[in-house]
Every structure is written in C-alpha cells, then in structure tokens.
Amino acid sequence: MPKAQSHLLRRGRCSKPGRLYLLTTTTHQRKPLFHDFEHARLVVRRRIICTS
C-alpha cells in the first residue's frame, strides 16, 4: 500500500490571527447530516466553544 501524502497539503500554508478558514467535515458513512442548516450551525458553535 502506498504511503499517505496528506502532509503535502500543508506545505506553504500558515495560520494568521483574524483570518477566515475553511473547515471540511465528513460524517460517519457520509450520512448527510448538514442538509438541515441548524445542524450545521450546531457543529460550528461547538467547534468555537472547543477552541476557545
């Protein structure tokens, strides 16, 4: 099996305070939980609480 190359995705990237970032999320068995906007908002709110 070939070795994962995902670390290459971060090459040349940096974090800057106050900037917006895209967060990609997948669910178990790709179940479409985020068709409901309120479900998506709940995930974002929880992410903000966890990083504060």
C-alpha atoms as a PDB file:
ATOM      1  CA  MET A   1       0.000   0.000   0.000  1.00  0.00           C
ATOM      2  CA  PRO A   2       1.457   3.440  -0.894  1.00  0.00           C
ATOM      3  CA  LYS A   3       2.379   5.822   1.919  1.00  0.00           C
ATOM      4  CA  ALA A   4      -0.108   8.667   2.555  1.00  0.00           C
ATOM      5  CA  GLN A   5       0.937  12.033   1.162  1.00  0.00           C
ATOM      6  CA  SER A   6      -1.582  14.184   3.073  1.00  0.00           C
ATOM      7  CA  HIS A   7       1.233  16.063   4.829  1.00  0.00           C
ATOM      8  CA  LEU A   8       1.994  17.671   1.457  1.00  0.00           C
ATOM      9  CA  LEU A   9      -1.334  19.542   1.629  1.00  0.00           C
ATOM     10  CA  ARG A  10       0.064  21.721   4.422  1.00  0.00           C
ATOM     11  CA  ARG A  11       3.212  22.734   2.557  1.00  0.00           C
ATOM     12  CA  GLY A  12       3.393  26.502   2.190  1.00  0.00           C
ATOM     13  CA  ARG A  13       0.436  27.154   4.488  1.00  0.00           C
ATOM     14  CA  CYS A  14       0.393  29.299   7.599  1.00  0.00           C
ATOM     15  CA  SER A  15      -2.132  30.459  10.189  1.00  0.00           C
ATOM     16  CA  LYS A  16      -2.822  34.134  10.798  1.00  0.00           C
ATOM     17  CA  PRO A  17      -4.983  35.551  13.608  1.00  0.00           C
ATOM     18  CA  GLY A  18      -8.241  37.118  12.451  1.00  0.00           C
ATOM     19  CA  ARG A  19      -8.310  35.252   9.122  1.00  0.00           C
ATOM     20  CA  LEU A  20     -11.169  33.063   7.887  1.00  0.00           C
ATOM     21  CA  TYR A  21     -10.532  29.392   7.228  1.00  0.00           C
ATOM     22  CA  LEU A  22     -12.490  26.660   5.525  1.00  0.00           C
ATOM     23  CA  LEU A  23     -13.203  23.613   7.648  1.00  0.00           C
ATOM     24  CA  THR A  24     -14.175  20.439   5.829  1.00  0.00           C
ATOM     25  CA  THR A  25     -16.115  17.841   7.784  1.00  0.00           C
ATOM     26  CA  THR A  26     -17.242  14.340   6.911  1.00  0.00           C
ATOM     27  CA  THR A  27     -19.733  12.241   8.816  1.00  0.00           C
ATOM     28  CA  HIS A  28     -19.871   8.536   9.603  1.00  0.00           C
ATOM     29  CA  GLN A  29     -20.670   6.694   6.382  1.00  0.00           C
ATOM     30  CA  ARG A  30     -21.078  10.144   4.777  1.00  0.00           C
ATOM     31  CA  LYS A  31     -24.574  10.495   6.221  1.00  0.00           C
ATOM     32  CA  PRO A  32     -25.975  13.869   5.041  1.00  0.00           C
ATOM     33  CA  LEU A  33     -26.474  15.472   8.470  1.00  0.00           C
ATOM     34  CA  PHE A  34     -25.895  19.019   7.274  1.00  0.00           C
ATOM     35  CA  HIS A  35     -28.834  19.329   4.888  1.00  0.00           C
ATOM     36  CA  ASP A  36     -30.526  20.920   7.901  1.00  0.00           C
ATOM     37  CA  PHE A  37     -28.911  24.346   8.366  1.00  0.00           C
ATOM     38  CA  GLU A  38     -29.452  24.228  12.141  1.00  0.00           C
ATOM     39  CA  HIS A  39     -27.401  21.025  12.378  1.00  0.00           C
ATOM     40  CA  ALA A  40     -24.553  22.738  10.556  1.00  0.00           C
ATOM     41  CA  ARG A  41     -24.769  25.766  12.866  1.00  0.00           C
ATOM     42  CA  LEU A  42     -24.630  23.484  15.905  1.00  0.00           C
ATOM     43  CA  VAL A  43     -21.362  21.959  14.678  1.00  0.00           C
ATOM     44  CA  VAL A  44     -19.845  25.408  14.093  1.00  0.00           C
ATOM     45  CA  ARG A  45     -20.924  26.644  17.522  1.00  0.00           C
ATOM     46  CA  ARG A  46     -19.470  23.559  19.177  1.00  0.00           C
ATOM     47  CA  ARG A  47     -16.198  23.990  17.287  1.00  0.00           C
ATOM     48  CA  ILE A  48     -15.957  27.601  18.500  1.00  0.00           C
ATOM     49  CA  ILE A  49     -16.517  26.506  22.124  1.00  0.00           C
ATOM     50  CA  CYS A  50     -13.866  23.772  21.846  1.00  0.00           C
ATOM     51  CA  THR A  51     -11.230  26.153  20.512  1.00  0.00           C
ATOM     52  CA  SER A  52     -11.904  28.983  22.977  1.00  0.00           C
END
